[in-house]
Structures are given as C-alpha cells and as structure tokens.
Amino acid sequence: MTEKKDNTKNPSPTEPDNAAEPEALAKLEIALTHFARTFETSAKRWERMVYPAIVIFGIMGISGFWLIYSLTSDVHELASNVDPKMERNLAEMSENLSSLSENVGVMTDEVSEMKGHISHLDSSILLMQQDMSIISTKLDTLSPLLFNIAEMNQAMKAMTANTAYMSRDMGMMNQNVGRPMSFMNSIAPW
C-alpha cells in the first residue's frame, strides 16, 4: 500500500505559502507599531491640550462656586440687616405720605387763593400803570410851574434881604430914638 501525501494537512516549510506568512506577519507588525506610535503621538498631543483644559475648567468651576457662595451669603446678610428696619421705616414713610398728601391739598387751595390775589394785583398794577401815564402827561406841564417856583425863590431871596435891611434900620432907629427918649422918660412924670 502506498501512502498518499496530503499537502493540505502538513505543509512543508519549503512551500511558498509558508514563506509569505512570516512576511505578512512582519508587515502587520510594522503597521501595528506604526499605528501604535502615531496613536501615542496623537494621544500625547491630546494630553497636552485636554489635561490643562480640565485643570482650567476645574479652577473656573471652583471660582464660580466660590463667587456664587459669597454672593448668596452677602445677599442673606443684606436681607437680614435691611428687612427689619425697612418695615418700620416704610410704615413711618406711609404715615408721612398721608400727612404730605393733606398738606399738598391745603397748599393747592392756598395756591388757588394766591392766584386770585395775583389776578387782583394784576388789575391794580394796570390801574397804577394808567395813573402813571396820566401823571407822566401832567409832568409835561410842570416845566412852567418849575419856572414860576424859581421866580418865587428869587423873590423870597429879595424879601429876605429887604427884611434884613429893615431889621438893621430898626435897630439903628432904636438906638437913635432910645437915648433921647430915655432922657425924656427920666424928666416926664408919668
């Protein structure tokens, strides 16, 4: 009996199919190492961008939380400090506003009264203006009157001078008549 060789079950190392496998494996290994290297360089590039971004976002998140926390605590403190005083002050302000409303009503009445007085004052001023225009026209006749007053002034000066002369003359006559009369009085019996 002769043995038949089955080429499919036991390939021999000298066959060409067996030689191509190690080459394909080597190429695959080279391709995989090349892929691994490019993946590593790509991952390193992403690590250089992503890790700092994560750190920055973390810092921003912490600072945002701190800002919100401080804002809420400040608003709470503001609400606790302002609210009790505000209620009392608003009540007082409400009372004062009602009295202010009454005062404004009184002031409105007085302003309307004042308006009537001002209109009366306007009419009085119009009458005064008419009287002043009449006086102004009458002052035009004043210049002859002033001339006559000036003449009277001159006449009064002359009268004063003449009266002074008369007084002097009377004094002289008193001296002239007084001496003989005093002598006569000492002689006369009465």
C-alpha atoms as a PDB file:
ATOM      1  CA  MET A   1       0.000   0.000   0.000  1.00  0.00           C
ATOM      2  CA  THR A   2       1.216   3.211  -0.936  1.00  0.00           C
ATOM      3  CA  GLU A   3       0.825   6.289   1.097  1.00  0.00           C
ATOM      4  CA  LYS A   4      -0.562   9.339  -0.397  1.00  0.00           C
ATOM      5  CA  LYS A   5       0.732  12.586   0.824  1.00  0.00           C
ATOM      6  CA  ASP A   6      -1.834  15.139   1.897  1.00  0.00           C
ATOM      7  CA  ASN A   7      -0.404  18.508   1.175  1.00  0.00           C
ATOM      8  CA  THR A   8      -3.131  20.412   2.909  1.00  0.00           C
ATOM      9  CA  LYS A   9      -2.612  18.926   6.322  1.00  0.00           C
ATOM     10  CA  ASN A  10       1.119  19.222   6.783  1.00  0.00           C
ATOM     11  CA  PRO A  11       2.617  21.976   4.755  1.00  0.00           C
ATOM     12  CA  SER A  12       6.270  21.832   4.366  1.00  0.00           C
ATOM     13  CA  PRO A  13       8.483  24.748   5.210  1.00  0.00           C
ATOM     14  CA  THR A  14       9.791  24.871   1.741  1.00  0.00           C
ATOM     15  CA  GLU A  15       6.471  25.712   0.176  1.00  0.00           C
ATOM     16  CA  PRO A  16       5.836  29.314  -0.972  1.00  0.00           C
ATOM     17  CA  ASP A  17       2.630  29.776   1.109  1.00  0.00           C
ATOM     18  CA  ASN A  18       4.550  29.224   4.287  1.00  0.00           C
ATOM     19  CA  ALA A  19       7.159  31.837   3.352  1.00  0.00           C
ATOM     20  CA  ALA A  20       4.561  34.548   2.727  1.00  0.00           C
ATOM     21  CA  GLU A  21       3.078  34.228   6.183  1.00  0.00           C
ATOM     22  CA  PRO A  22       6.084  35.491   8.123  1.00  0.00           C
ATOM     23  CA  GLU A  23       6.422  38.411   5.711  1.00  0.00           C
ATOM     24  CA  ALA A  24       2.764  39.305   6.169  1.00  0.00           C
ATOM     25  CA  LEU A  25       3.186  38.983   9.912  1.00  0.00           C
ATOM     26  CA  ALA A  26       6.236  41.239   9.783  1.00  0.00           C
ATOM     27  CA  LYS A  27       4.377  43.808   7.696  1.00  0.00           C
ATOM     28  CA  LEU A  28       1.421  43.589  10.048  1.00  0.00           C
ATOM     29  CA  GLU A  29       3.734  44.034  12.995  1.00  0.00           C
ATOM     30  CA  ILE A  30       5.356  47.066  11.333  1.00  0.00           C
ATOM     31  CA  ALA A  31       1.934  48.523  10.529  1.00  0.00           C
ATOM     32  CA  LEU A  32       0.745  47.919  14.086  1.00  0.00           C
ATOM     33  CA  THR A  33       3.863  49.503  15.593  1.00  0.00           C
ATOM     34  CA  HIS A  34       3.495  52.453  13.219  1.00  0.00           C
ATOM     35  CA  PHE A  35      -0.186  52.762  14.213  1.00  0.00           C
ATOM     36  CA  ALA A  36       0.754  52.495  17.878  1.00  0.00           C
ATOM     37  CA  ARG A  37       3.394  55.208  17.513  1.00  0.00           C
ATOM     38  CA  THR A  38       1.031  57.578  15.681  1.00  0.00           C
ATOM     39  CA  PHE A  39      -1.672  56.837  18.264  1.00  0.00           C
ATOM     40  CA  GLU A  40       0.779  57.580  21.070  1.00  0.00           C
ATOM     41  CA  THR A  41       1.916  60.867  19.479  1.00  0.00           C
ATOM     42  CA  SER A  42      -1.705  61.805  18.822  1.00  0.00           C
ATOM     43  CA  ALA A  43      -2.633  60.876  22.395  1.00  0.00           C
ATOM     44  CA  LYS A  44       0.298  62.944  23.701  1.00  0.00           C
ATOM     45  CA  ARG A  45      -0.901  65.910  21.677  1.00  0.00           C
ATOM     46  CA  TRP A  46      -4.407  65.479  23.073  1.00  0.00           C
ATOM     47  CA  GLU A  47      -2.993  65.043  26.584  1.00  0.00           C
ATOM     48  CA  ARG A  48      -1.147  68.357  26.218  1.00  0.00           C
ATOM     49  CA  MET A  49      -4.446  70.099  25.377  1.00  0.00           C
ATOM     50  CA  VAL A  50      -7.008  68.134  27.371  1.00  0.00           C
ATOM     51  CA  TYR A  51      -5.318  67.916  30.782  1.00  0.00           C
ATOM     52  CA  PRO A  52      -4.648  71.670  31.069  1.00  0.00           C
ATOM     53  CA  ALA A  53      -8.199  72.345  29.836  1.00  0.00           C
ATOM     54  CA  ILE A  54      -9.577  70.020  32.525  1.00  0.00           C
ATOM     55  CA  VAL A  55      -7.490  71.804  35.161  1.00  0.00           C
ATOM     56  CA  ILE A  56      -8.619  75.242  33.912  1.00  0.00           C
ATOM     57  CA  PHE A  57     -12.277  74.174  33.855  1.00  0.00           C
ATOM     58  CA  GLY A  58     -11.868  72.792  37.361  1.00  0.00           C
ATOM     59  CA  ILE A  59     -10.398  76.077  38.608  1.00  0.00           C
ATOM     60  CA  MET A  60     -13.178  78.012  36.867  1.00  0.00           C
ATOM     61  CA  GLY A  61     -15.805  75.761  38.411  1.00  0.00           C
ATOM     62  CA  ILE A  62     -14.341  76.213  41.898  1.00  0.00           C
ATOM     63  CA  SER A  63     -14.101  80.009  41.473  1.00  0.00           C
ATOM     64  CA  GLY A  64     -17.677  80.136  40.127  1.00  0.00           C
ATOM     65  CA  PHE A  65     -18.879  78.134  43.121  1.00  0.00           C
ATOM     66  CA  TRP A  66     -16.990  80.468  45.464  1.00  0.00           C
ATOM     67  CA  LEU A  67     -18.469  83.583  43.766  1.00  0.00           C
ATOM     68  CA  ILE A  68     -21.999  82.202  43.963  1.00  0.00           C
ATOM     69  CA  TYR A  69     -21.492  81.194  47.604  1.00  0.00           C
ATOM     70  CA  SER A  70     -20.145  84.632  48.576  1.00  0.00           C
ATOM     71  CA  LEU A  71     -22.952  86.360  46.672  1.00  0.00           C
ATOM     72  CA  THR A  72     -25.634  84.305  48.403  1.00  0.00           C
ATOM     73  CA  SER A  73     -24.058  84.922  51.815  1.00  0.00           C
ATOM     74  CA  ASP A  74     -23.856  88.677  51.104  1.00  0.00           C
ATOM     75  CA  VAL A  75     -27.467  88.767  49.934  1.00  0.00           C
ATOM     76  CA  HIS A  76     -28.532  86.823  53.032  1.00  0.00           C
ATOM     77  CA  GLU A  77     -26.691  89.286  55.268  1.00  0.00           C
ATOM     78  CA  LEU A  78     -28.203  92.220  53.385  1.00  0.00           C
ATOM     79  CA  ALA A  79     -31.703  90.769  53.706  1.00  0.00           C
ATOM     80  CA  SER A  80     -31.294  90.080  57.410  1.00  0.00           C
ATOM     81  CA  ASN A  81     -29.906  93.566  58.138  1.00  0.00           C
ATOM     82  CA  VAL A  82     -32.192  95.635  55.949  1.00  0.00           C
ATOM     83  CA  ASP A  83     -35.575  93.927  56.250  1.00  0.00           C
ATOM     84  CA  PRO A  84     -36.499  94.712  59.912  1.00  0.00           C
ATOM     85  CA  LYS A  85     -35.505  98.341  59.635  1.00  0.00           C
ATOM     86  CA  MET A  86     -37.143  98.669  56.248  1.00  0.00           C
ATOM     87  CA  GLU A  87     -40.543  97.567  57.551  1.00  0.00           C
ATOM     88  CA  ARG A  88     -40.521 100.185  60.327  1.00  0.00           C
ATOM     89  CA  ASN A  89     -39.251 102.906  58.015  1.00  0.00           C
ATOM     90  CA  LEU A  90     -41.828 102.079  55.359  1.00  0.00           C
ATOM     91  CA  ALA A  91     -44.613 102.357  57.956  1.00  0.00           C
ATOM     92  CA  GLU A  92     -43.355 105.777  59.046  1.00  0.00           C
ATOM     93  CA  MET A  93     -42.980 106.815  55.441  1.00  0.00           C
ATOM     94  CA  SER A  94     -46.568 105.747  54.753  1.00  0.00           C
ATOM     95  CA  GLU A  95     -47.825 107.897  57.652  1.00  0.00           C
ATOM     96  CA  ASN A  96     -45.745 110.836  56.496  1.00  0.00           C
ATOM     97  CA  LEU A  97     -47.020 110.421  52.952  1.00  0.00           C
ATOM     98  CA  SER A  98     -50.625 110.716  54.147  1.00  0.00           C
ATOM     99  CA  SER A  99     -49.811 113.953  56.006  1.00  0.00           C
ATOM    100  CA  LEU A 100     -47.893 115.127  52.954  1.00  0.00           C
ATOM    101  CA  SER A 101     -50.974 114.441  50.833  1.00  0.00           C
ATOM    102  CA  GLU A 102     -53.106 116.554  53.190  1.00  0.00           C
ATOM    103  CA  ASN A 103     -50.515 119.333  53.152  1.00  0.00           C
ATOM    104  CA  VAL A 104     -50.405 119.273  49.375  1.00  0.00           C
ATOM    105  CA  GLY A 105     -54.205 119.610  49.337  1.00  0.00           C
ATOM    106  CA  VAL A 106     -54.022 122.651  51.643  1.00  0.00           C
ATOM    107  CA  MET A 107     -51.220 124.073  49.545  1.00  0.00           C
ATOM    108  CA  THR A 108     -53.324 123.610  46.397  1.00  0.00           C
ATOM    109  CA  ASP A 109     -56.181 125.573  47.988  1.00  0.00           C
ATOM    110  CA  GLU A 110     -53.804 128.328  49.064  1.00  0.00           C
ATOM    111  CA  VAL A 111     -52.222 128.451  45.630  1.00  0.00           C
ATOM    112  CA  SER A 112     -55.668 128.880  44.056  1.00  0.00           C
ATOM    113  CA  GLU A 113     -56.340 131.715  46.563  1.00  0.00           C
ATOM    114  CA  MET A 114     -52.978 133.179  45.712  1.00  0.00           C
ATOM    115  CA  LYS A 115     -53.904 133.001  42.048  1.00  0.00           C
ATOM    116  CA  GLY A 116     -56.987 135.136  42.777  1.00  0.00           C
ATOM    117  CA  HIS A 117     -54.889 137.637  44.700  1.00  0.00           C
ATOM    118  CA  ILE A 118     -52.360 137.768  41.899  1.00  0.00           C
ATOM    119  CA  SER A 119     -55.097 138.442  39.329  1.00  0.00           C
ATOM    120  CA  HIS A 120     -56.394 141.260  41.607  1.00  0.00           C
ATOM    121  CA  LEU A 121     -52.813 142.514  41.874  1.00  0.00           C
ATOM    122  CA  ASP A 122     -52.541 142.464  38.085  1.00  0.00           C
ATOM    123  CA  SER A 123     -55.636 144.619  37.752  1.00  0.00           C
ATOM    124  CA  SER A 124     -54.290 147.017  40.419  1.00  0.00           C
ATOM    125  CA  ILE A 125     -50.994 147.237  38.577  1.00  0.00           C
ATOM    126  CA  LEU A 126     -52.878 148.036  35.371  1.00  0.00           C
ATOM    127  CA  LEU A 127     -54.684 150.870  37.174  1.00  0.00           C
ATOM    128  CA  MET A 128     -51.370 152.097  38.553  1.00  0.00           C
ATOM    129  CA  GLN A 129     -49.916 151.988  35.089  1.00  0.00           C
ATOM    130  CA  GLN A 130     -52.784 154.111  33.767  1.00  0.00           C
ATOM    131  CA  ASP A 131     -52.353 156.564  36.655  1.00  0.00           C
ATOM    132  CA  MET A 132     -48.619 156.733  35.997  1.00  0.00           C
ATOM    133  CA  SER A 133     -49.245 157.510  32.334  1.00  0.00           C
ATOM    134  CA  ILE A 134     -51.640 160.318  33.418  1.00  0.00           C
ATOM    135  CA  ILE A 135     -49.002 161.621  35.857  1.00  0.00           C
ATOM    136  CA  SER A 136     -46.420 161.434  33.090  1.00  0.00           C
ATOM    137  CA  THR A 137     -48.576 163.571  30.816  1.00  0.00           C
ATOM    138  CA  LYS A 138     -49.202 166.031  33.654  1.00  0.00           C
ATOM    139  CA  LEU A 139     -45.480 166.288  34.360  1.00  0.00           C
ATOM    140  CA  ASP A 140     -45.127 167.866  30.946  1.00  0.00           C
ATOM    141  CA  THR A 141     -46.952 170.939  32.369  1.00  0.00           C
ATOM    142  CA  LEU A 142     -44.522 171.001  35.286  1.00  0.00           C
ATOM    143  CA  SER A 143     -41.795 172.957  33.491  1.00  0.00           C
ATOM    144  CA  PRO A 144     -43.723 176.298  33.555  1.00  0.00           C
ATOM    145  CA  LEU A 145     -44.578 175.575  37.168  1.00  0.00           C
ATOM    146  CA  LEU A 146     -40.909 174.972  37.926  1.00  0.00           C
ATOM    147  CA  PHE A 147     -40.046 178.256  36.218  1.00  0.00           C
ATOM    148  CA  ASN A 148     -42.623 180.075  38.380  1.00  0.00           C
ATOM    149  CA  ILE A 149     -41.259 178.360  41.501  1.00  0.00           C
ATOM    150  CA  ALA A 150     -37.760 179.517  40.551  1.00  0.00           C
ATOM    151  CA  GLU A 151     -39.041 183.083  40.217  1.00  0.00           C
ATOM    152  CA  MET A 152     -40.746 182.750  43.608  1.00  0.00           C
ATOM    153  CA  ASN A 153     -37.469 181.548  45.044  1.00  0.00           C
ATOM    154  CA  GLN A 154     -35.701 184.650  43.720  1.00  0.00           C
ATOM    155  CA  ALA A 155     -38.458 186.875  45.121  1.00  0.00           C
ATOM    156  CA  MET A 156     -38.154 185.185  48.534  1.00  0.00           C
ATOM    157  CA  LYS A 157     -34.400 185.837  48.495  1.00  0.00           C
ATOM    158  CA  ALA A 158     -35.045 189.509  47.749  1.00  0.00           C
ATOM    159  CA  MET A 159     -37.673 189.681  50.513  1.00  0.00           C
ATOM    160  CA  THR A 160     -35.240 188.064  52.959  1.00  0.00           C
ATOM    161  CA  ALA A 161     -32.574 190.602  52.074  1.00  0.00           C
ATOM    162  CA  ASN A 162     -35.032 193.508  52.409  1.00  0.00           C
ATOM    163  CA  THR A 163     -36.230 192.155  55.768  1.00  0.00           C
ATOM    164  CA  ALA A 164     -32.618 192.040  56.940  1.00  0.00           C
ATOM    165  CA  TYR A 165     -32.158 195.661  55.862  1.00  0.00           C
ATOM    166  CA  MET A 166     -35.364 196.640  57.684  1.00  0.00           C
ATOM    167  CA  SER A 167     -34.171 194.855  60.832  1.00  0.00           C
ATOM    168  CA  ARG A 168     -30.868 196.729  60.677  1.00  0.00           C
ATOM    169  CA  ASP A 169     -32.623 200.011  60.120  1.00  0.00           C
ATOM    170  CA  MET A 170     -34.994 199.350  63.026  1.00  0.00           C
ATOM    171  CA  GLY A 171     -32.022 198.620  65.280  1.00  0.00           C
ATOM    172  CA  MET A 172     -30.365 201.876  64.256  1.00  0.00           C
ATOM    173  CA  MET A 173     -33.595 203.771  64.791  1.00  0.00           C
ATOM    174  CA  ASN A 174     -33.952 202.156  68.205  1.00  0.00           C
ATOM    175  CA  GLN A 175     -30.519 203.422  69.156  1.00  0.00           C
ATOM    176  CA  ASN A 176     -31.157 206.865  67.747  1.00  0.00           C
ATOM    177  CA  VAL A 177     -34.578 207.282  69.366  1.00  0.00           C
ATOM    178  CA  GLY A 178     -33.848 205.321  72.521  1.00  0.00           C
ATOM    179  CA  ARG A 179     -31.220 207.691  74.007  1.00  0.00           C
ATOM    180  CA  PRO A 180     -33.247 210.885  73.849  1.00  0.00           C
ATOM    181  CA  MET A 181     -36.350 209.053  74.942  1.00  0.00           C
ATOM    182  CA  SER A 182     -34.612 207.635  77.969  1.00  0.00           C
ATOM    183  CA  PHE A 183     -33.630 211.161  78.914  1.00  0.00           C
ATOM    184  CA  MET A 184     -37.199 212.327  78.381  1.00  0.00           C
ATOM    185  CA  ASN A 185     -38.531 209.443  80.452  1.00  0.00           C
ATOM    186  CA  SER A 186     -36.423 210.488  83.392  1.00  0.00           C
ATOM    187  CA  ILE A 187     -37.901 214.018  83.175  1.00  0.00           C
ATOM    188  CA  ALA A 188     -41.531 213.077  82.445  1.00  0.00           C
ATOM    189  CA  PRO A 189     -43.693 212.329  85.495  1.00  0.00           C
ATOM    190  CA  TRP A 190     -45.790 209.548  84.157  1.00  0.00           C
END
